[in-house]
PDB file of N, CA and C in Angstrom:
ATOM      1  N   MET A   1       0.757  -1.375   0.229  1.00  0.00           N
ATOM      2  CA  MET A   1       0.063   0.141  -0.078  1.00  0.00           C
ATOM      3  C   MET A   1       0.986   1.272  -0.113  1.00  0.00           C
ATOM      4  N   GLU A   2       0.578   2.257  -1.003  1.00  0.00           N
ATOM      5  CA  GLU A   2       1.188   3.490  -0.800  1.00  0.00           C
ATOM      6  C   GLU A   2       0.503   4.460  -1.258  1.00  0.00           C
ATOM      7  N   PRO A   3       0.999   5.862  -0.954  1.00  0.00           N
ATOM      8  CA  PRO A   3      -0.049   7.191  -0.828  1.00  0.00           C
ATOM      9  C   PRO A   3       0.293   7.434  -2.210  1.00  0.00           C
ATOM     10  N   VAL A   4      -1.204   7.837  -2.950  1.00  0.00           N
ATOM     11  CA  VAL A   4      -1.350   8.268  -4.436  1.00  0.00           C
ATOM     12  C   VAL A   4      -1.374   9.828  -4.296  1.00  0.00           C
ATOM     13  N   GLU A   5      -1.638  10.403  -3.003  1.00  0.00           N
ATOM     14  CA  GLU A   5      -2.073  11.811  -3.090  1.00  0.00           C
ATOM     15  C   GLU A   5      -1.865  12.322  -1.604  1.00  0.00           C
ATOM     16  N   LEU A   6      -1.091  13.328  -1.534  1.00  0.00           N
ATOM     17  CA  LEU A   6      -0.973  13.862   0.187  1.00  0.00           C
ATOM     18  C   LEU A   6      -1.160  15.438  -0.173  1.00  0.00           C
ATOM     19  N   ASN A   7      -1.620  15.784   1.077  1.00  0.00           N
ATOM     20  CA  ASN A   7      -2.184  17.113   1.186  1.00  0.00           C
ATOM     21  C   ASN A   7      -2.037  17.533   2.551  1.00  0.00           C
ATOM     22  N   VAL A   8      -1.597  18.775   2.631  1.00  0.00           N
ATOM     23  CA  VAL A   8      -1.393  19.629   4.202  1.00  0.00           C
ATOM     24  C   VAL A   8      -2.570  20.786   4.082  1.00  0.00           C
ATOM     25  N   SER A   9      -3.596  20.666   5.227  1.00  0.00           N
ATOM     26  CA  SER A   9      -4.700  21.490   5.063  1.00  0.00           C
ATOM     27  C   SER A   9      -4.500  22.195   6.819  1.00  0.00           C
ATOM     28  N   ARG A  10      -5.085  23.364   6.993  1.00  0.00           N
ATOM     29  CA  ARG A  10      -5.554  24.181   8.001  1.00  0.00           C
ATOM     30  C   ARG A  10      -6.674  24.080   8.228  1.00  0.00           C
ATOM     31  N   ARG A  11      -7.582  23.355   9.138  1.00  0.00           N
ATOM     32  CA  ARG A  11      -8.683  23.214   9.832  1.00  0.00           C
ATOM     33  C   ARG A  11      -8.945  23.567  10.945  1.00  0.00           C
ATOM     34  N   GLU A  12      -9.895  24.458  11.657  1.00  0.00           N
ATOM     35  CA  GLU A  12     -10.463  24.610  12.549  1.00  0.00           C
ATOM     36  C   GLU A  12      -9.154  25.053  13.607  1.00  0.00           C
ATOM     37  N   GLY A  13      -7.898  25.812  12.802  1.00  0.00           N
ATOM     38  CA  GLY A  13      -7.023  26.199  13.823  1.00  0.00           C
ATOM     39  C   GLY A  13      -5.786  24.982  13.716  1.00  0.00           C
ATOM     40  N   LYS A  14      -6.031  23.953  13.218  1.00  0.00           N
ATOM     41  CA  LYS A  14      -5.224  22.929  13.399  1.00  0.00           C
ATOM     42  C   LYS A  14      -4.590  22.179  12.064  1.00  0.00           C
ATOM     43  N   GLU A  15      -3.284  22.043  11.763  1.00  0.00           N
ATOM     44  CA  GLU A  15      -2.620  21.340  10.718  1.00  0.00           C
ATOM     45  C   GLU A  15      -3.064  20.134  10.437  1.00  0.00           C
ATOM     46  N   THR A  16      -3.553  19.678   9.217  1.00  0.00           N
ATOM     47  CA  THR A  16      -3.912  18.300   9.091  1.00  0.00           C
ATOM     48  C   THR A  16      -3.165  17.847   7.903  1.00  0.00           C
ATOM     49  N   ILE A  17      -2.579  16.797   8.180  1.00  0.00           N
ATOM     50  CA  ILE A  17      -2.053  15.971   6.971  1.00  0.00           C
ATOM     51  C   ILE A  17      -2.873  14.379   6.304  1.00  0.00           C
ATOM     52  N   SER A  18      -3.060  14.632   5.160  1.00  0.00           N
ATOM     53  CA  SER A  18      -4.267  13.696   4.608  1.00  0.00           C
ATOM     54  C   SER A  18      -3.383  13.062   3.346  1.00  0.00           C
ATOM     55  N   VAL A  19      -3.492  11.593   3.692  1.00  0.00           N
ATOM     56  CA  VAL A  19      -2.924  10.660   2.772  1.00  0.00           C
ATOM     57  C   VAL A  19      -4.113   9.695   2.105  1.00  0.00           C
ATOM     58  N   LEU A  20      -4.399   9.830   0.615  1.00  0.00           N
ATOM     59  CA  LEU A  20      -5.281   9.200   0.020  1.00  0.00           C
ATOM     60  C   LEU A  20      -4.320   7.822  -0.410  1.00  0.00           C
ATOM     61  N   TRP A  21      -4.631   6.617  -0.016  1.00  0.00           N
ATOM     62  CA  TRP A  21      -3.900   5.434  -0.271  1.00  0.00           C
ATOM     63  C   TRP A  21      -4.162   4.733  -1.634  1.00  0.00           C
ATOM     64  N   SER A  22      -3.423   3.884  -2.206  1.00  0.00           N
ATOM     65  CA  SER A  22      -3.752   3.007  -3.492  1.00  0.00           C
ATOM     66  C   SER A  22      -4.924   2.559  -3.580  1.00  0.00           C
ATOM     67  N   ASP A  23      -5.556   2.100  -2.149  1.00  0.00           N
ATOM     68  CA  ASP A  23      -6.856   1.215  -2.004  1.00  0.00           C
ATOM     69  C   ASP A  23      -7.846   2.228  -2.020  1.00  0.00           C
ATOM     70  N   GLY A  24      -7.648   3.614  -2.182  1.00  0.00           N
ATOM     71  CA  GLY A  24      -9.022   4.333  -1.839  1.00  0.00           C
ATOM     72  C   GLY A  24      -8.980   4.805  -0.479  1.00  0.00           C
ATOM     73  N   HIS A  25      -8.798   4.299   0.312  1.00  0.00           N
ATOM     74  CA  HIS A  25      -8.804   4.728   1.764  1.00  0.00           C
ATOM     75  C   HIS A  25      -7.951   5.961   2.027  1.00  0.00           C
ATOM     76  N   ARG A  26      -8.610   7.020   2.574  1.00  0.00           N
ATOM     77  CA  ARG A  26      -8.284   8.548   2.983  1.00  0.00           C
ATOM     78  C   ARG A  26      -7.651   8.508   4.522  1.00  0.00           C
ATOM     79  N   SER A  27      -6.603   8.777   5.077  1.00  0.00           N
ATOM     80  CA  SER A  27      -6.240   8.826   6.043  1.00  0.00           C
ATOM     81  C   SER A  27      -5.913  10.225   6.534  1.00  0.00           C
ATOM     82  N   ASN A  28      -6.470  11.007   7.536  1.00  0.00           N
ATOM     83  CA  ASN A  28      -6.264  12.244   8.286  1.00  0.00           C
ATOM     84  C   ASN A  28      -5.399  11.986   9.283  1.00  0.00           C
ATOM     85  N   TYR A  29      -4.271  12.988   9.442  1.00  0.00           N
ATOM     86  CA  TYR A  29      -3.361  12.984  10.457  1.00  0.00           C
ATOM     87  C   TYR A  29      -3.109  14.409  11.097  1.00  0.00           C
ATOM     88  N   ASP A  30      -3.679  14.370  12.521  1.00  0.00           N
ATOM     89  CA  ASP A  30      -3.202  15.789  13.119  1.00  0.00           C
ATOM     90  C   ASP A  30      -1.961  15.854  13.430  1.00  0.00           C
ATOM     91  N   SER A  31      -1.045  17.098  12.880  1.00  0.00           N
ATOM     92  CA  SER A  31       0.200  17.428  12.773  1.00  0.00           C
ATOM     93  C   SER A  31       0.954  17.342  14.237  1.00  0.00           C
ATOM     94  N   PHE A  32      -0.021  17.514  15.339  1.00  0.00           N
ATOM     95  CA  PHE A  32       0.572  17.684  16.694  1.00  0.00           C
ATOM     96  C   PHE A  32       0.934  15.936  17.017  1.00  0.00           C
ATOM     97  N   GLU A  33      -0.223  15.041  16.740  1.00  0.00           N
ATOM     98  CA  GLU A  33      -0.405  13.734  16.987  1.00  0.00           C
ATOM     99  C   GLU A  33       0.808  13.238  16.131  1.00  0.00           C
ATOM    100  N   LEU A  34       0.778  13.160  14.868  1.00  0.00           N
ATOM    101  CA  LEU A  34       1.969  12.735  13.965  1.00  0.00           C
ATOM    102  C   LEU A  34       3.658  13.064  14.469  1.00  0.00           C
ATOM    103  N   ARG A  35       3.703  14.373  14.983  1.00  0.00           N
ATOM    104  CA  ARG A  35       4.778  14.488  15.600  1.00  0.00           C
ATOM    105  C   ARG A  35       5.249  13.954  16.894  1.00  0.00           C
ATOM    106  N   ASN A  36       4.493  13.694  17.713  1.00  0.00           N
ATOM    107  CA  ASN A  36       4.215  12.976  18.689  1.00  0.00           C
ATOM    108  C   ASN A  36       4.440  11.442  18.501  1.00  0.00           C
ATOM    109  N   ALA A  37       4.234  10.972  17.590  1.00  0.00           N
ATOM    110  CA  ALA A  37       4.347   9.313  17.055  1.00  0.00           C
ATOM    111  C   ALA A  37       5.627   9.352  16.202  1.00  0.00           C
ATOM    112  N   CYS A  38       6.453  10.450  16.262  1.00  0.00           N
ATOM    113  CA  CYS A  38       7.836  10.123  15.453  1.00  0.00           C
ATOM    114  C   CYS A  38       8.456   8.943  15.962  1.00  0.00           C
ATOM    115  N   PRO A  39       8.846   8.178  14.945  1.00  0.00           N
ATOM    116  CA  PRO A  39       9.437   6.609  14.834  1.00  0.00           C
ATOM    117  C   PRO A  39      11.020   6.844  15.258  1.00  0.00           C
ATOM    118  N   CYS A  40      11.500   7.909  15.513  1.00  0.00           N
ATOM    119  CA  CYS A  40      13.277   7.881  15.235  1.00  0.00           C
ATOM    120  C   CYS A  40      13.704   7.338  16.722  1.00  0.00           C
ATOM    121  N   ALA A  41      14.797   6.802  16.956  1.00  0.00           N
ATOM    122  CA  ALA A  41      15.431   6.593  17.969  1.00  0.00           C
ATOM    123  C   ALA A  41      15.381   7.621  19.069  1.00  0.00           C
ATOM    124  N   MET A  42      15.623   8.965  18.817  1.00  0.00           N
ATOM    125  CA  MET A  42      15.839   9.701  19.487  1.00  0.00           C
ATOM    126  C   MET A  42      14.644  10.400  20.339  1.00  0.00           C
ATOM    127  N   CYS A  43      13.070  10.025  19.660  1.00  0.00           N
ATOM    128  CA  CYS A  43      11.678  10.325  20.110  1.00  0.00           C
ATOM    129  C   CYS A  43      11.608   8.646  20.852  1.00  0.00           C
ATOM    130  N   GLN A  44      11.916   7.573  20.408  1.00  0.00           N
ATOM    131  CA  GLN A  44      11.308   6.382  20.757  1.00  0.00           C
ATOM    132  C   GLN A  44      11.990   5.498  21.582  1.00  0.00           C
ATOM    133  N   GLY A  45      13.464   5.967  21.530  1.00  0.00           N
ATOM    134  CA  GLY A  45      14.563   5.098  22.170  1.00  0.00           C
ATOM    135  C   GLY A  45      14.963   4.034  21.454  1.00  0.00           C
ATOM    136  N   GLU A  46      16.145   3.855  22.187  1.00  0.00           N
ATOM    137  CA  GLU A  46      16.982   2.513  21.162  1.00  0.00           C
ATOM    138  C   GLU A  46      17.133   1.545  22.091  1.00  0.00           C
ATOM    139  N   PRO A  47      17.180   0.161  21.324  1.00  0.00           N
ATOM    140  CA  PRO A  47      17.412  -0.790  22.313  1.00  0.00           C
ATOM    141  C   PRO A  47      18.907  -0.834  22.306  1.00  0.00           C
ATOM    142  N   GLY A  48      19.730  -1.441  23.356  1.00  0.00           N
ATOM    143  CA  GLY A  48      20.832  -1.496  23.885  1.00  0.00           C
ATOM    144  C   GLY A  48      21.009  -2.931  23.634  1.00  0.00           C
ATOM    145  N   ILE A  49      22.311  -3.290  23.699  1.00  0.00           N
ATOM    146  CA  ILE A  49      22.911  -4.960  23.443  1.00  0.00           C
ATOM    147  C   ILE A  49      22.348  -5.745  24.109  1.00  0.00           C
ATOM    148  N   PHE A  50      21.746  -5.572  25.782  1.00  0.00           N
ATOM    149  CA  PHE A  50      20.950  -6.393  26.422  1.00  0.00           C
ATOM    150  C   PHE A  50      19.460  -5.935  26.571  1.00  0.00           C
ATOM    151  N   GLY A  51      18.860  -5.727  25.155  1.00  0.00           N
ATOM    152  CA  GLY A  51      17.665  -5.072  25.307  1.00  0.00           C
ATOM    153  C   GLY A  51      16.857  -4.048  25.847  1.00  0.00           C
ATOM    154  N   ARG A  52      17.937  -3.499  26.788  1.00  0.00           N
ATOM    155  CA  ARG A  52      17.156  -2.303  27.472  1.00  0.00           C
ATOM    156  C   ARG A  52      17.269  -1.223  26.420  1.00  0.00           C
ATOM    157  N   ILE A  53      15.956  -0.273  26.442  1.00  0.00           N
ATOM    158  CA  ILE A  53      15.653   0.841  25.719  1.00  0.00           C
ATOM    159  C   ILE A  53      16.346   1.949  26.200  1.00  0.00           C
ATOM    160  N   TYR A  54      16.881   2.688  25.607  1.00  0.00           N
ATOM    161  CA  TYR A  54      17.968   3.636  26.127  1.00  0.00           C
ATOM    162  C   TYR A  54      16.971   4.952  25.417  1.00  0.00           C
ATOM    163  N   THR A  55      16.491   5.582  26.169  1.00  0.00           N
ATOM    164  CA  THR A  55      16.083   7.085  25.736  1.00  0.00           C
ATOM    165  C   THR A  55      16.518   8.350  26.254  1.00  0.00           C
ATOM    166  N   GLN A  56      16.532   9.331  25.363  1.00  0.00           N
ATOM    167  CA  GLN A  56      16.858  10.857  25.937  1.00  0.00           C
ATOM    168  C   GLN A  56      15.515  11.308  26.330  1.00  0.00           C
ATOM    169  N   SER A  57      15.715  12.671  27.265  1.00  0.00           N
ATOM    170  CA  SER A  57      14.522  13.312  27.805  1.00  0.00           C
ATOM    171  C   SER A  57      13.816  13.920  26.378  1.00  0.00           C
ATOM    172  N   ARG A  58      12.659  13.722  26.189  1.00  0.00           N
ATOM    173  CA  ARG A  58      12.088  14.269  25.262  1.00  0.00           C
ATOM    174  C   ARG A  58      11.775  15.629  25.037  1.00  0.00           C
ATOM    175  N   THR A  59      11.641  16.485  24.210  1.00  0.00           N
ATOM    176  CA  THR A  59      11.503  17.876  24.422  1.00  0.00           C
ATOM    177  C   THR A  59      10.017  17.864  24.128  1.00  0.00           C
ATOM    178  N   GLU A  60       9.113  18.565  24.867  1.00  0.00           N
ATOM    179  CA  GLU A  60       7.741  18.751  24.810  1.00  0.00           C
ATOM    180  C   GLU A  60       7.475  19.396  23.465  1.00  0.00           C
ATOM    181  N   VAL A  61       6.551  18.687  22.695  1.00  0.00           N
ATOM    182  CA  VAL A  61       6.195  19.071  21.300  1.00  0.00           C
ATOM    183  C   VAL A  61       4.946  20.373  21.287  1.00  0.00           C
ATOM    184  N   ARG A  62       5.348  21.411  20.970  1.00  0.00           N
ATOM    185  CA  ARG A  62       4.254  22.488  20.915  1.00  0.00           C
ATOM    186  C   ARG A  62       2.805  21.906  20.115  1.00  0.00           C
ATOM    187  N   VAL A  63       1.791  22.552  20.416  1.00  0.00           N
ATOM    188  CA  VAL A  63       0.302  22.119  19.840  1.00  0.00           C
ATOM    189  C   VAL A  63       0.517  22.953  18.532  1.00  0.00           C
ATOM    190  N   ASP A  64       1.218  23.674  18.258  1.00  0.00           N
ATOM    191  CA  ASP A  64       1.070  24.794  16.885  1.00  0.00           C
ATOM    192  C   ASP A  64       2.515  24.009  16.098  1.00  0.00           C
ATOM    193  N   ILE A  65       2.701  22.863  16.355  1.00  0.00           N
ATOM    194  CA  ILE A  65       3.630  22.398  15.215  1.00  0.00           C
ATOM    195  C   ILE A  65       3.135  21.928  13.847  1.00  0.00           C
ATOM    196  N   VAL A  66       3.772  22.343  12.975  1.00  0.00           N
ATOM    197  CA  VAL A  66       3.350  22.267  11.403  1.00  0.00           C
ATOM    198  C   VAL A  66       4.266  21.520  10.839  1.00  0.00           C
ATOM    199  N   PRO A  67       4.442  20.776   9.703  1.00  0.00           N
ATOM    200  CA  PRO A  67       5.183  20.313   8.970  1.00  0.00           C
ATOM    201  C   PRO A  67       6.013  21.439   7.738  1.00  0.00           C
ATOM    202  N   ASP A  68       7.116  21.580   8.075  1.00  0.00           N
ATOM    203  CA  ASP A  68       7.667  22.707   6.746  1.00  0.00           C
ATOM    204  C   ASP A  68       7.990  21.880   5.518  1.00  0.00           C
ATOM    205  N   GLU A  69       8.258  20.632   5.503  1.00  0.00           N
ATOM    206  CA  GLU A  69       8.598  19.515   4.607  1.00  0.00           C
ATOM    207  C   GLU A  69       8.360  18.601   4.448  1.00  0.00           C
ATOM    208  N   ILE A  70       8.000  17.929   3.649  1.00  0.00           N
ATOM    209  CA  ILE A  70       7.651  16.445   3.416  1.00  0.00           C
ATOM    210  C   ILE A  70       7.971  15.874   2.151  1.00  0.00           C
ATOM    211  N   GLU A  71       8.741  14.798   2.176  1.00  0.00           N
ATOM    212  CA  GLU A  71       9.500  14.291   1.071  1.00  0.00           C
ATOM    213  C   GLU A  71       9.450  13.047   1.202  1.00  0.00           C
ATOM    214  N   THR A  72       9.451  12.204  -0.089  1.00  0.00           N
ATOM    215  CA  THR A  72       9.286  10.781   0.306  1.00  0.00           C
ATOM    216  C   THR A  72      10.792  10.236   0.280  1.00  0.00           C
ATOM    217  N   VAL A  73      10.667   9.096   1.098  1.00  0.00           N
ATOM    218  CA  VAL A  73      11.903   8.146   1.209  1.00  0.00           C
ATOM    219  C   VAL A  73      11.809   6.824   0.508  1.00  0.00           C
ATOM    220  N   GLY A  74      12.520   6.998  -0.661  1.00  0.00           N
ATOM    221  CA  GLY A  74      12.563   5.519  -1.564  1.00  0.00           C
ATOM    222  C   GLY A  74      11.141   5.400  -1.791  1.00  0.00           C
ATOM    223  N   ARG A  75      10.758   4.050  -1.847  1.00  0.00           N
ATOM    224  CA  ARG A  75       9.245   3.674  -2.172  1.00  0.00           C
ATOM    225  C   ARG A  75       8.465   3.244  -0.973  1.00  0.00           C
ATOM    226  N   TYR A  76       8.952   3.458   0.180  1.00  0.00           N
ATOM    227  CA  TYR A  76       8.362   2.970   1.500  1.00  0.00           C
ATOM    228  C   TYR A  76       7.951   4.189   2.407  1.00  0.00           C
ATOM    229  N   GLY A  77       8.384   5.101   2.441  1.00  0.00           N
ATOM    230  CA  GLY A  77       8.288   6.312   3.764  1.00  0.00           C
ATOM    231  C   GLY A  77       8.240   7.520   3.204  1.00  0.00           C
ATOM    232  N   LEU A  78       7.735   8.079   4.401  1.00  0.00           N
ATOM    233  CA  LEU A  78       8.171   9.792   4.074  1.00  0.00           C
ATOM    234  C   LEU A  78       9.130  10.041   5.464  1.00  0.00           C
ATOM    235  N   LYS A  79       9.668  11.282   5.107  1.00  0.00           N
ATOM    236  CA  LYS A  79      10.486  12.163   5.973  1.00  0.00           C
ATOM    237  C   LYS A  79      10.068  13.452   6.161  1.00  0.00           C
ATOM    238  N   ILE A  80       9.650  13.930   7.183  1.00  0.00           N
ATOM    239  CA  ILE A  80       8.755  14.868   7.357  1.00  0.00           C
ATOM    240  C   ILE A  80       9.726  16.148   8.496  1.00  0.00           C
ATOM    241  N   THR A  81      10.245  17.069   7.983  1.00  0.00           N
ATOM    242  CA  THR A  81      10.917  18.303   8.556  1.00  0.00           C
ATOM    243  C   THR A  81       9.725  19.006   9.372  1.00  0.00           C
ATOM    244  N   TRP A  82       9.612  19.367  10.518  1.00  0.00           N
ATOM    245  CA  TRP A  82       8.590  19.873  11.308  1.00  0.00           C
ATOM    246  C   TRP A  82       9.127  21.322  11.784  1.00  0.00           C
ATOM    247  N   SER A  83       8.220  22.280  12.138  1.00  0.00           N
ATOM    248  CA  SER A  83       8.504  23.826  12.436  1.00  0.00           C
ATOM    249  C   SER A  83       9.490  23.781  13.512  1.00  0.00           C
ATOM    250  N   ASP A  84       9.633  22.804  14.526  1.00  0.00           N
ATOM    251  CA  ASP A  84      10.625  22.720  15.239  1.00  0.00           C
ATOM    252  C   ASP A  84      12.001  22.357  15.144  1.00  0.00           C
ATOM    253  N   GLY A  85      12.049  22.096  13.963  1.00  0.00           N
ATOM    254  CA  GLY A  85      13.479  21.630  13.259  1.00  0.00           C
ATOM    255  C   GLY A  85      13.747  20.195  13.309  1.00  0.00           C
ATOM    256  N   HIS A  86      13.043  19.433  13.837  1.00  0.00           N
ATOM    257  CA  HIS A  86      13.058  17.991  14.123  1.00  0.00           C
ATOM    258  C   HIS A  86      12.869  17.199  12.554  1.00  0.00           C
ATOM    259  N   ASN A  87      13.763  16.584  12.174  1.00  0.00           N
ATOM    260  CA  ASN A  87      13.318  15.750  11.178  1.00  0.00           C
ATOM    261  C   ASN A  87      14.062  14.404  11.111  1.00  0.00           C
ATOM    262  N   LEU A  88      14.526  13.901  12.102  1.00  0.00           N
ATOM    263  CA  LEU A  88      14.880  12.523  12.051  1.00  0.00           C
ATOM    264  C   LEU A  88      13.980  11.007  11.596  1.00  0.00           C
ATOM    265  N   GLY A  89      12.931  11.118  11.739  1.00  0.00           N
ATOM    266  CA  GLY A  89      12.072   9.929  11.870  1.00  0.00           C
ATOM    267  C   GLY A  89      11.466   9.869  10.191  1.00  0.00           C
ATOM    268  N   ILE A  90      11.775   8.708  10.186  1.00  0.00           N
ATOM    269  CA  ILE A  90      11.142   8.271   8.566  1.00  0.00           C
ATOM    270  C   ILE A  90       9.568   7.272   8.888  1.00  0.00           C
ATOM    271  N   TYR A  91       8.675   7.804   8.385  1.00  0.00           N
ATOM    272  CA  TYR A  91       7.125   7.535   8.609  1.00  0.00           C
ATOM    273  C   TYR A  91       7.147   6.352   7.578  1.00  0.00           C
ATOM    274  N   THR A  92       7.281   5.106   7.871  1.00  0.00           N
ATOM    275  CA  THR A  92       7.095   4.164   6.640  1.00  0.00           C
ATOM    276  C   THR A  92       5.425   4.029   6.059  1.00  0.00           C
ATOM    277  N   PHE A  93       5.063   3.788   5.206  1.00  0.00           N
ATOM    278  CA  PHE A  93       3.707   3.842   4.680  1.00  0.00           C
ATOM    279  C   PHE A  93       3.061   2.846   5.858  1.00  0.00           C
ATOM    280  N   ASP A  94       3.576   1.530   6.180  1.00  0.00           N
ATOM    281  CA  ASP A  94       2.898   0.580   6.854  1.00  0.00           C
ATOM    282  C   ASP A  94       2.531   1.241   8.478  1.00  0.00           C
ATOM    283  N   TYR A  95       3.796   2.121   8.672  1.00  0.00           N
ATOM    284  CA  TYR A  95       3.759   2.919  10.093  1.00  0.00           C
ATOM    285  C   TYR A  95       2.330   3.872  10.077  1.00  0.00           C
ATOM    286  N   LEU A  96       2.535   4.553   8.967  1.00  0.00           N
ATOM    287  CA  LEU A  96       1.284   5.771   8.696  1.00  0.00           C
ATOM    288  C   LEU A  96       0.044   5.048   8.661  1.00  0.00           C
ATOM    289  N   ARG A  97      -0.121   4.252   8.029  1.00  0.00           N
ATOM    290  CA  ARG A  97      -1.535   3.342   8.153  1.00  0.00           C
ATOM    291  C   ARG A  97      -1.976   2.627   9.044  1.00  0.00           C
ATOM    292  N   LYS A  98      -0.944   2.329  10.201  1.00  0.00           N
ATOM    293  CA  LYS A  98      -1.369   1.625  11.527  1.00  0.00           C
ATOM    294  C   LYS A  98      -1.623   2.934  12.238  1.00  0.00           C
ATOM    295  N   LEU A  99      -1.219   4.303  12.063  1.00  0.00           N
ATOM    296  CA  LEU A  99      -1.451   5.384  12.716  1.00  0.00           C
ATOM    297  C   LEU A  99      -2.855   5.782  12.590  1.00  0.00           C
ATOM    298  N   CYS A 100      -3.488   5.541  11.350  1.00  0.00           N
ATOM    299  CA  CYS A 100      -4.823   5.780  11.069  1.00  0.00           C
ATOM    300  C   CYS A 100      -5.891   5.881  12.227  1.00  0.00           C
ATOM    301  N   GLY A 101      -6.268   6.900  12.658  1.00  0.00           N
ATOM    302  CA  GLY A 101      -7.376   6.494  13.462  1.00  0.00           C
ATOM    303  C   GLY A 101      -8.779   6.344  13.298  1.00  0.00           C
ATOM    304  N   CYS A 102      -9.005   6.124  11.829  1.00  0.00           N
ATOM    305  CA  CYS A 102     -10.663   6.358  11.472  1.00  0.00           C
ATOM    306  C   CYS A 102     -11.125   4.873  11.966  1.00  0.00           C
ATOM    307  N   GLU A 103     -12.622   5.036  12.305  1.00  0.00           N
ATOM    308  CA  GLU A 103     -13.416   4.279  12.750  1.00  0.00           C
ATOM    309  C   GLU A 103     -13.116   2.703  11.931  1.00  0.00           C
ATOM    310  N   GLY A 104     -13.230   2.848  10.794  1.00  0.00           N
ATOM    311  CA  GLY A 104     -12.733   1.662  10.017  1.00  0.00           C
ATOM    312  C   GLY A 104     -11.303   0.868   9.990  1.00  0.00           C
ATOM    313  N   CYS A 105     -10.435   1.822  10.275  1.00  0.00           N
ATOM    314  CA  CYS A 105      -9.115   1.181  10.502  1.00  0.00           C
ATOM    315  C   CYS A 105      -8.766   0.611  12.118  1.00  0.00           C
ATOM    316  N   ASN A 106      -9.287   1.150  12.817  1.00  0.00           N
ATOM    317  CA  ASN A 106      -9.681   0.765  14.065  1.00  0.00           C
ATOM    318  C   ASN A 106     -10.351  -0.743  14.684  1.00  0.00           C
ATOM    319  N   LYS A 107     -11.609  -0.837  13.741  1.00  0.00           N
ATOM    320  CA  LYS A 107     -12.202  -2.216  13.692  1.00  0.00           C
ATOM    321  C   LYS A 107     -11.143  -3.220  13.036  1.00  0.00           C
ATOM    322  N   SER A 108     -10.578  -2.970  12.031  1.00  0.00           N
ATOM    323  CA  SER A 108      -9.642  -3.950  10.999  1.00  0.00           C
ATOM    324  C   SER A 108      -8.235  -4.172  11.818  1.00  0.00           C
ATOM    325  N   GLN A 109      -7.769  -3.395  12.842  1.00  0.00           N
ATOM    326  CA  GLN A 109      -6.353  -3.824  13.678  1.00  0.00           C
ATOM    327  C   GLN A 109      -6.696  -4.579  14.845  1.00  0.00           C
TER     328      GLN A 109
END
């Protein structure tokens, strides 16, 4: 599954990233929630040699966060540069689809 269309819009004072998938499904992501779900090791932690997860103290994400730039990474994901300067996470298409919070996706998970 891959995106065929990507839009960024502002509604009700919130920035929303909308993805139309190749199966016809549309996912809408709140920028604040998507930034909080950043999959990079700096945000999510990183396993050490004995399986312990090492994390840094996370910087609090501002509610007015917006994407400054969105680019594709190969044929498998998106890299988002956020207005706070963070750009380390690669949001794979599979990960993005799992983050879809719509009722239909929640039922199928």
